[in-house]
N, C-alpha and C. Protein backbone atom coordinates (compact mmCIF):
# COMPACT_ATOMS: atom_id res chain seq x y z
N MET A 1 107.69 -34.85 -13.03
CA MET A 1 108.71 -36.32 -13.82
C MET A 1 110.05 -36.40 -13.19
N ILE A 2 110.66 -37.16 -12.43
CA ILE A 2 112.08 -37.23 -11.52
C ILE A 2 112.92 -37.94 -13.08
N THR A 3 113.69 -37.17 -12.87
CA THR A 3 115.01 -37.32 -13.90
C THR A 3 115.45 -37.83 -13.01
N LYS A 4 115.94 -38.87 -14.06
CA LYS A 4 117.42 -39.96 -13.87
C LYS A 4 118.62 -39.29 -13.96
N ASN A 5 119.32 -39.62 -12.39
CA ASN A 5 120.28 -39.31 -12.48
C ASN A 5 121.82 -41.07 -12.79
N ASN A 6 121.88 -40.58 -12.83
CA ASN A 6 124.10 -41.33 -13.52
C ASN A 6 124.22 -42.48 -12.81
N THR A 7 123.94 -42.68 -11.55
CA THR A 7 123.96 -43.83 -10.05
C THR A 7 122.49 -44.41 -10.74
N LEU A 8 121.35 -44.13 -10.69
CA LEU A 8 119.98 -44.64 -11.51
C LEU A 8 120.56 -45.69 -12.14
N LYS A 9 121.44 -44.73 -13.31
CA LYS A 9 121.75 -45.66 -14.82
C LYS A 9 122.21 -46.59 -14.61
N VAL A 10 123.49 -46.63 -13.69
CA VAL A 10 124.40 -47.98 -13.15
C VAL A 10 123.64 -48.69 -12.30
N MET A 11 123.01 -48.38 -11.08
CA MET A 11 121.77 -49.35 -10.70
C MET A 11 120.65 -49.88 -10.70
N GLU A 12 120.32 -49.45 -12.11
CA GLU A 12 119.23 -50.46 -13.09
C GLU A 12 119.49 -51.24 -13.57
N LEU A 13 120.23 -51.32 -14.02
CA LEU A 13 120.85 -52.80 -14.71
C LEU A 13 121.41 -53.89 -13.88
N PHE A 14 121.78 -53.59 -12.84
CA PHE A 14 121.77 -54.88 -11.78
C PHE A 14 120.74 -55.11 -11.16
N PHE A 15 119.65 -54.09 -11.06
CA PHE A 15 118.80 -54.52 -10.98
C PHE A 15 117.46 -54.80 -11.26
N LYS A 16 117.95 -54.80 -12.88
CA LYS A 16 117.45 -55.92 -14.24
C LYS A 16 118.17 -57.12 -14.07
N ASN A 17 119.22 -56.97 -13.94
CA ASN A 17 120.07 -58.48 -14.49
C ASN A 17 120.96 -58.78 -12.67
N PRO A 18 120.05 -59.15 -11.94
CA PRO A 18 121.04 -59.23 -10.24
C PRO A 18 122.36 -60.34 -10.53
N GLU A 19 121.71 -61.10 -11.50
CA GLU A 19 122.70 -62.25 -11.61
C GLU A 19 123.65 -62.17 -12.93
N ARG A 20 123.86 -61.56 -12.73
CA ARG A 20 124.70 -60.66 -13.90
C ARG A 20 125.86 -59.88 -13.40
N LYS A 21 127.20 -60.82 -13.79
CA LYS A 21 127.80 -59.63 -13.96
C LYS A 21 128.76 -58.96 -15.30
N PHE A 22 128.98 -58.20 -15.05
CA PHE A 22 129.04 -56.68 -15.93
C PHE A 22 130.61 -55.82 -15.90
N HIS A 23 131.27 -55.70 -16.60
CA HIS A 23 133.08 -55.05 -16.84
C HIS A 23 132.42 -53.58 -16.77
N LEU A 24 133.39 -52.65 -16.77
CA LEU A 24 133.38 -51.25 -16.28
C LEU A 24 133.29 -51.41 -18.43
N ARG A 25 134.37 -51.19 -18.77
CA ARG A 25 133.30 -51.04 -20.33
C ARG A 25 132.07 -51.23 -20.90
N GLU A 26 131.61 -52.44 -20.29
CA GLU A 26 130.38 -53.18 -20.68
C GLU A 26 129.40 -51.83 -20.06
N LEU A 27 129.29 -51.44 -18.60
CA LEU A 27 128.74 -50.50 -17.78
C LEU A 27 128.79 -49.29 -19.00
N GLU A 28 129.88 -48.43 -19.28
CA GLU A 28 129.68 -47.58 -20.07
C GLU A 28 128.81 -47.28 -20.91
N ARG A 29 129.37 -48.75 -22.01
CA ARG A 29 128.19 -48.59 -23.53
C ARG A 29 126.88 -49.12 -22.84
N LEU A 30 126.41 -49.64 -21.88
CA LEU A 30 125.19 -50.07 -21.60
C LEU A 30 124.18 -48.48 -21.52
N THR A 31 125.30 -47.36 -20.17
CA THR A 31 124.61 -46.07 -19.82
C THR A 31 124.82 -45.50 -20.54
N GLY A 32 125.67 -45.27 -21.57
CA GLY A 32 126.18 -44.18 -22.28
C GLY A 32 127.06 -43.75 -21.69
N LEU A 33 127.63 -42.75 -20.42
CA LEU A 33 128.49 -42.23 -19.38
C LEU A 33 130.08 -42.56 -19.44
N SER A 34 130.94 -41.05 -19.55
CA SER A 34 131.64 -41.66 -19.29
C SER A 34 133.11 -42.38 -19.00
N MET A 35 133.85 -43.29 -19.03
CA MET A 35 134.31 -44.30 -18.38
C MET A 35 134.63 -43.88 -16.86
N PRO A 36 135.19 -42.67 -16.78
CA PRO A 36 135.99 -42.20 -15.25
C PRO A 36 134.56 -41.91 -14.39
N GLY A 37 133.02 -41.50 -15.24
CA GLY A 37 132.35 -41.30 -14.27
C GLY A 37 131.57 -42.74 -13.63
N VAL A 38 131.65 -43.51 -14.98
CA VAL A 38 131.00 -45.51 -14.24
C VAL A 38 132.04 -45.57 -13.66
N ARG A 39 133.82 -45.52 -13.32
CA ARG A 39 134.26 -46.39 -11.86
C ARG A 39 133.93 -45.18 -10.97
N LYS A 40 133.86 -43.94 -10.95
CA LYS A 40 133.25 -43.62 -9.86
C LYS A 40 132.15 -44.06 -9.13
N ILE A 41 131.07 -43.53 -9.94
CA ILE A 41 129.73 -44.43 -9.37
C ILE A 41 129.97 -46.17 -8.52
N VAL A 42 130.73 -47.20 -9.71
CA VAL A 42 130.71 -48.05 -8.70
C VAL A 42 131.67 -48.50 -8.15
N LEU A 43 132.66 -47.73 -7.81
CA LEU A 43 133.25 -47.75 -7.07
C LEU A 43 132.50 -47.45 -5.49
N LYS A 44 131.71 -46.49 -5.44
CA LYS A 44 130.98 -45.72 -4.44
C LYS A 44 130.08 -46.56 -3.81
N LEU A 45 129.62 -47.42 -5.18
CA LEU A 45 128.24 -48.16 -4.38
C LEU A 45 128.71 -49.85 -4.60
N GLU A 46 130.50 -50.39 -4.77
CA GLU A 46 130.70 -51.34 -3.77
C GLU A 46 131.14 -51.35 -2.31
N LYS A 47 131.66 -49.73 -2.42
CA LYS A 47 131.93 -48.97 -0.27
C LYS A 47 130.58 -49.22 0.18
N GLU A 48 129.13 -48.27 -0.42
CA GLU A 48 128.62 -49.01 0.79
C GLU A 48 128.19 -50.18 0.62
N ASP A 49 128.64 -51.23 0.10
CA ASP A 49 128.32 -52.35 -0.34
C ASP A 49 126.85 -52.86 -1.02
N LEU A 50 126.72 -52.96 -2.25
CA LEU A 50 125.43 -52.33 -3.37
C LEU A 50 126.26 -53.16 -3.72
N LEU A 51 126.91 -53.42 -4.40
CA LEU A 51 127.93 -54.33 -5.53
C LEU A 51 129.32 -55.03 -4.98
N CYS A 52 129.21 -55.74 -5.77
CA CYS A 52 130.80 -56.26 -5.39
C CYS A 52 131.30 -56.67 -7.02
N SER A 53 133.00 -56.71 -6.03
CA SER A 53 134.05 -57.09 -7.10
C SER A 53 134.86 -58.32 -6.86
N GLU A 54 135.28 -58.24 -8.51
CA GLU A 54 136.61 -60.48 -8.65
C GLU A 54 137.19 -59.99 -10.15
N ARG A 55 138.15 -59.98 -9.35
CA ARG A 55 139.24 -59.90 -11.32
C ARG A 55 139.44 -61.26 -11.77
N ALA A 56 138.74 -61.15 -13.01
CA ALA A 56 138.52 -62.35 -14.02
C ALA A 56 139.53 -61.77 -14.88
N LYS A 57 140.97 -61.77 -14.96
CA LYS A 57 142.85 -62.53 -16.29
C LYS A 57 142.31 -60.73 -16.14
N MET A 58 142.21 -60.44 -16.64
CA MET A 58 142.85 -58.50 -16.91
C MET A 58 141.43 -57.83 -16.95
N VAL A 59 140.05 -58.13 -16.64
CA VAL A 59 139.37 -57.31 -15.63
C VAL A 59 138.63 -57.70 -14.42
N LYS A 60 138.03 -56.75 -14.30
CA LYS A 60 137.50 -56.32 -13.20
C LYS A 60 136.27 -56.59 -13.09
N ASN A 61 135.18 -57.30 -12.84
CA ASN A 61 133.85 -57.58 -13.16
C ASN A 61 132.72 -57.24 -11.22
N PHE A 62 132.02 -56.82 -11.69
CA PHE A 62 131.25 -56.10 -10.93
C PHE A 62 129.62 -56.85 -11.14
N TYR A 63 129.02 -56.82 -9.91
CA TYR A 63 127.70 -58.00 -9.13
C TYR A 63 127.01 -57.43 -8.58
N ALA A 64 125.59 -57.76 -8.47
CA ALA A 64 124.96 -57.11 -7.64
C ALA A 64 125.16 -58.24 -6.14
N SER A 65 125.52 -57.64 -4.96
CA SER A 65 126.37 -58.02 -3.65
C SER A 65 124.83 -58.82 -2.93
N ARG A 66 123.35 -58.86 -3.31
CA ARG A 66 122.11 -59.22 -3.02
C ARG A 66 122.41 -60.37 -0.82
N ASN A 67 122.62 -58.83 -0.84
CA ASN A 67 122.77 -58.76 0.81
C ASN A 67 121.24 -58.16 1.26
N GLU A 68 120.91 -58.00 2.39
CA GLU A 68 119.66 -57.73 1.87
C GLU A 68 119.29 -55.63 2.25
N LYS A 69 120.75 -55.27 2.13
CA LYS A 69 120.77 -53.72 1.99
C LYS A 69 120.06 -53.90 0.34
N PHE A 70 120.87 -54.23 -0.45
CA PHE A 70 120.69 -54.39 -1.66
C PHE A 70 119.20 -55.01 -2.26
N ILE A 71 118.64 -55.91 -1.55
CA ILE A 71 117.50 -56.16 -1.56
C ILE A 71 116.37 -55.19 -1.22
N GLN A 72 116.61 -54.41 -0.59
CA GLN A 72 115.65 -53.05 0.13
C GLN A 72 115.65 -52.07 -0.98
N VAL A 73 116.75 -52.12 -1.56
CA VAL A 73 117.09 -50.56 -2.84
C VAL A 73 116.31 -51.40 -3.49
N LYS A 74 116.22 -52.40 -4.17
CA LYS A 74 115.59 -53.19 -5.04
C LYS A 74 113.97 -52.80 -4.95
N ARG A 75 113.38 -53.35 -3.72
CA ARG A 75 112.42 -52.86 -4.04
C ARG A 75 111.80 -51.89 -3.62
N ALA A 76 112.77 -50.73 -3.39
CA ALA A 76 112.88 -49.69 -3.20
C ALA A 76 112.45 -49.00 -5.15
N TYR A 77 112.96 -49.40 -5.63
CA TYR A 77 113.91 -49.38 -7.16
C TYR A 77 111.59 -50.03 -8.15
N ASN A 78 111.59 -51.11 -7.32
CA ASN A 78 110.41 -52.20 -8.21
C ASN A 78 108.99 -51.22 -7.83
N LEU A 79 109.32 -50.63 -7.17
CA LEU A 79 107.86 -49.86 -6.89
C LEU A 79 107.83 -48.41 -7.45
N TYR A 80 109.28 -47.80 -7.37
CA TYR A 80 109.53 -46.91 -8.04
C TYR A 80 108.98 -46.72 -9.50
N SER A 81 109.32 -47.96 -10.17
CA SER A 81 109.19 -48.13 -11.48
C SER A 81 107.41 -48.37 -11.67
N VAL A 82 106.64 -49.21 -10.65
CA VAL A 82 105.20 -48.97 -11.26
C VAL A 82 104.76 -48.15 -11.20
N PHE A 83 105.87 -47.32 -10.34
CA PHE A 83 104.61 -45.49 -10.24
C PHE A 83 104.57 -45.52 -11.62
N GLU A 84 106.13 -44.71 -12.19
CA GLU A 84 106.58 -44.77 -13.31
C GLU A 84 105.93 -44.73 -14.01
N SER A 85 105.42 -46.09 -14.24
CA SER A 85 104.95 -47.19 -15.83
C SER A 85 103.47 -45.88 -15.74
N GLY A 86 102.63 -45.51 -14.59
CA GLY A 86 101.68 -45.34 -14.84
C GLY A 86 100.26 -46.67 -14.77
N PHE A 87 100.76 -48.14 -14.42
CA PHE A 87 100.01 -49.09 -13.76
C PHE A 87 98.99 -48.87 -13.03
N LEU A 88 99.80 -48.33 -11.69
CA LEU A 88 98.83 -48.01 -10.67
C LEU A 88 98.95 -46.38 -10.37
N ASN A 89 98.05 -45.63 -9.92
CA ASN A 89 97.94 -44.83 -10.23
C ASN A 89 98.05 -43.71 -8.53
N PHE A 90 98.96 -42.90 -8.22
CA PHE A 90 99.39 -42.46 -6.49
C PHE A 90 97.97 -43.00 -5.69
N SER A 91 96.43 -42.71 -6.43
CA SER A 91 95.28 -42.71 -4.85
C SER A 91 95.61 -44.09 -4.74
N PHE A 92 95.53 -45.13 -5.44
CA PHE A 92 95.53 -46.66 -5.43
C PHE A 92 96.66 -46.68 -4.92
N LEU A 93 97.55 -46.89 -4.94
CA LEU A 93 98.65 -46.88 -4.23
C LEU A 93 98.63 -46.52 -2.51
N SER A 94 98.25 -45.35 -2.63
CA SER A 94 98.48 -44.78 -1.56
C SER A 94 97.53 -45.16 -0.21
N PHE A 95 95.98 -45.46 -0.93
CA PHE A 95 94.69 -46.46 -0.41
C PHE A 95 95.18 -48.05 -0.17
N PHE A 96 96.02 -48.71 -1.46
CA PHE A 96 96.92 -49.90 -0.71
C PHE A 96 97.17 -49.87 0.99
N LEU A 97 98.47 -48.54 0.65
CA LEU A 97 99.88 -48.40 1.98
C LEU A 97 98.56 -48.68 2.68
N ILE A 98 98.36 -48.07 2.84
CA ILE A 98 97.31 -47.03 4.57
C ILE A 98 96.81 -48.80 4.48
N SER A 99 95.89 -49.30 4.03
CA SER A 99 94.94 -50.53 3.93
C SER A 99 95.13 -51.30 4.61
N SER A 100 96.62 -51.59 4.22
CA SER A 100 98.04 -52.44 4.34
C SER A 100 98.47 -52.70 5.55
N GLN A 101 98.74 -51.45 5.98
CA GLN A 101 99.34 -50.68 7.21
C GLN A 101 97.14 -50.84 8.18
N PHE A 102 96.05 -50.89 8.49
CA PHE A 102 95.24 -50.54 8.45
C PHE A 102 95.10 -52.17 9.23
N ALA A 103 95.81 -53.08 8.40
CA ALA A 103 94.89 -54.18 8.33
C ALA A 103 96.17 -55.15 9.37
N ASN A 104 97.50 -54.56 9.57
CA ASN A 104 98.14 -54.97 10.33
C ASN A 104 98.17 -53.95 11.57
N ILE A 105 97.63 -53.20 12.17
CA ILE A 105 97.27 -52.88 13.25
C ILE A 105 96.09 -52.95 13.44
N SER A 106 94.86 -53.59 12.74
CA SER A 106 94.00 -54.12 13.57
C SER A 106 93.77 -55.20 13.88
N SER A 107 95.18 -56.15 13.29
CA SER A 107 94.71 -57.41 13.14
C SER A 107 96.31 -58.05 14.87
N LEU A 108 96.30 -56.03 15.08
CA LEU A 108 97.06 -56.83 16.50
C LEU A 108 95.74 -55.97 17.66
N LEU A 109 95.27 -55.06 17.31
CA LEU A 109 94.18 -54.54 18.46
C LEU A 109 93.63 -55.99 18.39
N PHE A 110 92.91 -56.69 18.08
CA PHE A 110 91.42 -57.01 17.72
C PHE A 110 91.88 -58.82 17.90
N LYS A 111 93.12 -59.26 18.17
CA LYS A 111 93.82 -60.33 18.17
C LYS A 111 92.80 -61.22 19.19
N VAL A 112 92.01 -62.58 18.66
CA VAL A 112 91.33 -63.42 19.94
C VAL A 112 92.18 -64.50 20.52
N ILE A 113 91.87 -63.95 21.64
CA ILE A 113 92.95 -65.08 22.44
C ILE A 113 92.07 -66.24 23.25
N PRO A 114 92.73 -67.50 22.76
CA PRO A 114 91.34 -68.41 23.02
C PRO A 114 91.91 -68.86 24.63
């Protein structure tokens, strides 16, 4: 089993609620991490362009950037979640990936030109 690291705990909130804005204290409370740890993670993710921030009165709110990079990471997280839930076993998932790649290759190889 893969253990969740702290960055994944923070990103999981943004993956599950991509339209929602969080402030640091709220992230601290929801993840159970310390304030300096949450701040360090959020600033790193903002620098990597996965999160954006805006200042609202006295607090700085963070939200998902919803760019192509964030969407790709969210897709990977969704696959990870399905796999971890046990809904699909590894053999079915690998069969699906192999068959979909074969379908793409076969459609290129056996393309009928009128």
